[in-house]
Amino acid sequence: MTSRRDIPWLTGLADTLAEVDQFLRSPQGHAALNEYYAARSPSPCLGPGIEPGNLIDAVGFTELWLRSKITRHAQRS
């Protein structure tokens, strides 16, 4: 975060990640992600243990991280 003008953009990004997270956690989203990974396997970038849940969690954690950064920046301003 470099300036106040970044806050609206980062907030929009966090909102988008929250929407993506909600979709991926739905039965349809999870099924689509399973199908996607099954079609790519075996892939050099997908090792053992990589599954849709890992990506879903990464999206959710990134959204939470962004929101915490936005909040901390707002408190300092």
N, C-alpha and C. Protein backbone atom coordinates (compact mmCIF):
# COMPACT_ATOMS: atom_id res chain seq x y z
N MET A 1 0.83 -1.16 0.00
CA MET A 1 0.00 0.00 0.00
C MET A 1 0.88 1.23 0.00
N THR A 2 0.71 2.05 -0.98
CA THR A 2 1.59 3.21 -1.07
C THR A 2 0.88 4.52 -0.81
N SER A 3 -0.40 4.59 -1.01
CA SER A 3 -1.10 5.85 -0.80
C SER A 3 -2.58 5.62 -0.55
N ARG A 4 -3.24 6.71 -0.18
CA ARG A 4 -4.68 6.63 0.07
C ARG A 4 -5.46 6.25 -1.18
N ARG A 5 -4.96 6.64 -2.34
CA ARG A 5 -5.70 6.34 -3.56
C ARG A 5 -5.72 4.84 -3.87
N ASP A 6 -4.82 4.08 -3.24
CA ASP A 6 -4.80 2.63 -3.41
C ASP A 6 -5.93 1.94 -2.63
N ILE A 7 -6.42 2.59 -1.59
CA ILE A 7 -7.41 1.96 -0.71
C ILE A 7 -8.67 1.53 -1.47
N PRO A 8 -9.30 2.38 -2.28
CA PRO A 8 -10.50 1.92 -2.99
C PRO A 8 -10.21 0.73 -3.93
N TRP A 9 -9.06 0.76 -4.59
CA TRP A 9 -8.72 -0.35 -5.49
C TRP A 9 -8.52 -1.64 -4.70
N LEU A 10 -7.79 -1.56 -3.59
CA LEU A 10 -7.55 -2.75 -2.78
C LEU A 10 -8.84 -3.25 -2.13
N THR A 11 -9.71 -2.33 -1.75
CA THR A 11 -11.01 -2.74 -1.19
C THR A 11 -11.82 -3.47 -2.25
N GLY A 12 -11.81 -2.97 -3.47
CA GLY A 12 -12.51 -3.64 -4.57
C GLY A 12 -11.93 -5.02 -4.84
N LEU A 13 -10.61 -5.13 -4.77
CA LEU A 13 -9.96 -6.43 -4.96
C LEU A 13 -10.36 -7.40 -3.87
N ALA A 14 -10.38 -6.92 -2.63
CA ALA A 14 -10.79 -7.78 -1.51
C ALA A 14 -12.24 -8.22 -1.68
N ASP A 15 -13.11 -7.31 -2.14
CA ASP A 15 -14.51 -7.66 -2.38
C ASP A 15 -14.62 -8.73 -3.47
N THR A 16 -13.82 -8.59 -4.52
CA THR A 16 -13.83 -9.59 -5.61
C THR A 16 -13.35 -10.94 -5.10
N LEU A 17 -12.29 -10.94 -4.30
CA LEU A 17 -11.79 -12.20 -3.74
C LEU A 17 -12.82 -12.85 -2.84
N ALA A 18 -13.57 -12.05 -2.09
CA ALA A 18 -14.63 -12.61 -1.23
C ALA A 18 -15.71 -13.27 -2.09
N GLU A 19 -16.04 -12.65 -3.21
CA GLU A 19 -17.05 -13.22 -4.11
C GLU A 19 -16.54 -14.51 -4.75
N VAL A 20 -15.29 -14.51 -5.18
CA VAL A 20 -14.68 -15.72 -5.76
C VAL A 20 -14.65 -16.83 -4.72
N ASP A 21 -14.27 -16.49 -3.49
CA ASP A 21 -14.23 -17.47 -2.40
C ASP A 21 -15.61 -18.08 -2.18
N GLN A 22 -16.62 -17.23 -2.16
CA GLN A 22 -18.00 -17.72 -1.95
C GLN A 22 -18.40 -18.68 -3.08
N PHE A 23 -18.07 -18.31 -4.32
CA PHE A 23 -18.41 -19.19 -5.44
C PHE A 23 -17.66 -20.52 -5.34
N LEU A 24 -16.35 -20.45 -5.07
CA LEU A 24 -15.56 -21.67 -5.03
C LEU A 24 -16.00 -22.61 -3.92
N ARG A 25 -16.56 -22.06 -2.85
CA ARG A 25 -17.04 -22.90 -1.74
C ARG A 25 -18.43 -23.46 -2.00
N SER A 26 -19.09 -23.00 -3.05
CA SER A 26 -20.41 -23.54 -3.39
C SER A 26 -20.22 -24.92 -4.01
N PRO A 27 -21.26 -25.76 -3.98
CA PRO A 27 -21.14 -27.08 -4.60
C PRO A 27 -20.74 -27.00 -6.08
N GLN A 28 -21.30 -26.05 -6.81
CA GLN A 28 -20.99 -25.91 -8.24
C GLN A 28 -19.53 -25.46 -8.44
N GLY A 29 -19.09 -24.52 -7.63
CA GLY A 29 -17.71 -24.04 -7.76
C GLY A 29 -16.71 -25.11 -7.40
N HIS A 30 -16.98 -25.83 -6.33
CA HIS A 30 -16.06 -26.90 -5.92
C HIS A 30 -16.02 -28.00 -6.97
N ALA A 31 -17.16 -28.34 -7.55
CA ALA A 31 -17.20 -29.36 -8.60
C ALA A 31 -16.42 -28.90 -9.83
N ALA A 32 -16.58 -27.63 -10.21
CA ALA A 32 -15.85 -27.10 -11.36
C ALA A 32 -14.35 -27.12 -11.11
N LEU A 33 -13.95 -26.79 -9.90
CA LEU A 33 -12.53 -26.79 -9.56
C LEU A 33 -11.98 -28.22 -9.56
N ASN A 34 -12.72 -29.16 -9.04
CA ASN A 34 -12.30 -30.57 -9.09
C ASN A 34 -12.12 -31.02 -10.53
N GLU A 35 -13.06 -30.66 -11.38
CA GLU A 35 -12.98 -31.03 -12.80
C GLU A 35 -11.76 -30.39 -13.46
N TYR A 36 -11.51 -29.15 -13.15
CA TYR A 36 -10.37 -28.43 -13.71
C TYR A 36 -9.06 -29.11 -13.32
N TYR A 37 -8.91 -29.39 -12.01
CA TYR A 37 -7.68 -30.04 -11.56
C TYR A 37 -7.54 -31.44 -12.14
N ALA A 38 -8.64 -32.17 -12.27
CA ALA A 38 -8.58 -33.52 -12.84
C ALA A 38 -8.11 -33.47 -14.29
N ALA A 39 -8.55 -32.45 -15.03
CA ALA A 39 -8.15 -32.33 -16.44
C ALA A 39 -6.68 -31.95 -16.57
N ARG A 40 -6.12 -31.25 -15.60
CA ARG A 40 -4.72 -30.83 -15.66
C ARG A 40 -3.75 -31.88 -15.14
N SER A 41 -4.24 -32.83 -14.39
CA SER A 41 -3.37 -33.80 -13.74
C SER A 41 -2.92 -34.84 -14.75
N PRO A 42 -1.74 -35.35 -14.71
CA PRO A 42 -0.67 -34.90 -13.85
C PRO A 42 -0.03 -33.62 -14.41
N SER A 43 0.29 -32.75 -13.53
CA SER A 43 0.90 -31.48 -13.92
C SER A 43 2.13 -31.26 -13.07
N PRO A 44 3.19 -30.71 -13.65
CA PRO A 44 4.40 -30.49 -12.86
C PRO A 44 4.19 -29.50 -11.71
N CYS A 45 3.20 -28.60 -11.84
CA CYS A 45 3.00 -27.63 -10.76
C CYS A 45 2.04 -28.14 -9.70
N LEU A 46 1.43 -29.29 -9.93
CA LEU A 46 0.52 -29.87 -8.94
C LEU A 46 1.14 -31.12 -8.36
N GLY A 47 1.67 -30.99 -7.19
CA GLY A 47 2.26 -32.14 -6.53
C GLY A 47 1.23 -32.89 -5.72
N PRO A 48 1.64 -33.93 -5.02
CA PRO A 48 0.72 -34.67 -4.16
C PRO A 48 0.13 -33.75 -3.10
N GLY A 49 -1.14 -33.92 -2.84
CA GLY A 49 -1.79 -33.13 -1.81
C GLY A 49 -2.40 -31.83 -2.29
N ILE A 50 -2.13 -31.47 -3.54
CA ILE A 50 -2.72 -30.24 -4.07
C ILE A 50 -4.15 -30.58 -4.48
N GLU A 51 -5.08 -29.82 -3.98
CA GLU A 51 -6.48 -30.07 -4.28
C GLU A 51 -7.22 -28.75 -4.29
N PRO A 52 -8.44 -28.75 -4.74
CA PRO A 52 -9.21 -27.51 -4.80
C PRO A 52 -9.26 -26.75 -3.48
N GLY A 53 -9.31 -27.44 -2.38
CA GLY A 53 -9.38 -26.78 -1.09
C GLY A 53 -8.18 -25.87 -0.83
N ASN A 54 -7.02 -26.23 -1.35
CA ASN A 54 -5.83 -25.40 -1.16
C ASN A 54 -6.01 -24.04 -1.84
N LEU A 55 -6.52 -24.05 -3.07
CA LEU A 55 -6.75 -22.81 -3.79
C LEU A 55 -7.86 -21.99 -3.12
N ILE A 56 -8.91 -22.65 -2.72
CA ILE A 56 -10.02 -21.97 -2.05
C ILE A 56 -9.52 -21.28 -0.78
N ASP A 57 -8.74 -21.98 0.01
CA ASP A 57 -8.20 -21.39 1.23
C ASP A 57 -7.27 -20.22 0.91
N ALA A 58 -6.46 -20.36 -0.11
CA ALA A 58 -5.54 -19.28 -0.48
C ALA A 58 -6.31 -18.01 -0.86
N VAL A 59 -7.40 -18.17 -1.59
CA VAL A 59 -8.23 -17.02 -1.96
C VAL A 59 -8.81 -16.36 -0.71
N GLY A 60 -9.37 -17.17 0.18
CA GLY A 60 -9.97 -16.65 1.39
C GLY A 60 -8.96 -15.97 2.30
N PHE A 61 -7.79 -16.58 2.48
CA PHE A 61 -6.76 -16.00 3.34
C PHE A 61 -6.21 -14.70 2.74
N THR A 62 -6.08 -14.65 1.42
CA THR A 62 -5.60 -13.44 0.77
C THR A 62 -6.59 -12.30 0.96
N GLU A 63 -7.87 -12.60 0.85
CA GLU A 63 -8.89 -11.58 1.07
C GLU A 63 -8.81 -11.04 2.50
N LEU A 64 -8.69 -11.92 3.48
CA LEU A 64 -8.58 -11.49 4.87
C LEU A 64 -7.31 -10.67 5.11
N TRP A 65 -6.22 -11.08 4.51
CA TRP A 65 -4.95 -10.36 4.65
C TRP A 65 -5.07 -8.95 4.08
N LEU A 66 -5.68 -8.85 2.88
CA LEU A 66 -5.87 -7.54 2.27
C LEU A 66 -6.71 -6.63 3.16
N ARG A 67 -7.80 -7.17 3.68
CA ARG A 67 -8.67 -6.36 4.55
C ARG A 67 -7.92 -5.89 5.80
N SER A 68 -7.07 -6.73 6.36
CA SER A 68 -6.31 -6.30 7.54
C SER A 68 -5.33 -5.20 7.18
N LYS A 69 -4.69 -5.28 6.01
CA LYS A 69 -3.78 -4.23 5.55
C LYS A 69 -4.54 -2.92 5.35
N ILE A 70 -5.71 -2.99 4.74
CA ILE A 70 -6.53 -1.80 4.50
C ILE A 70 -6.91 -1.16 5.83
N THR A 71 -7.33 -1.97 6.78
CA THR A 71 -7.74 -1.46 8.09
C THR A 71 -6.56 -0.80 8.80
N ARG A 72 -5.40 -1.45 8.79
CA ARG A 72 -4.22 -0.87 9.45
C ARG A 72 -3.80 0.44 8.80
N HIS A 73 -3.88 0.49 7.47
CA HIS A 73 -3.52 1.71 6.76
C HIS A 73 -4.49 2.84 7.11
N ALA A 74 -5.77 2.52 7.18
CA ALA A 74 -6.79 3.52 7.53
C ALA A 74 -6.59 4.04 8.95
N GLN A 75 -6.16 3.18 9.86
CA GLN A 75 -5.95 3.59 11.24
C GLN A 75 -4.74 4.52 11.37
N ARG A 76 -3.74 4.34 10.51
CA ARG A 76 -2.56 5.20 10.56
C ARG A 76 -2.80 6.54 9.90
N SER A 77 -3.76 6.62 9.02
CA SER A 77 -4.01 7.87 8.28
C SER A 77 -4.81 8.86 9.06
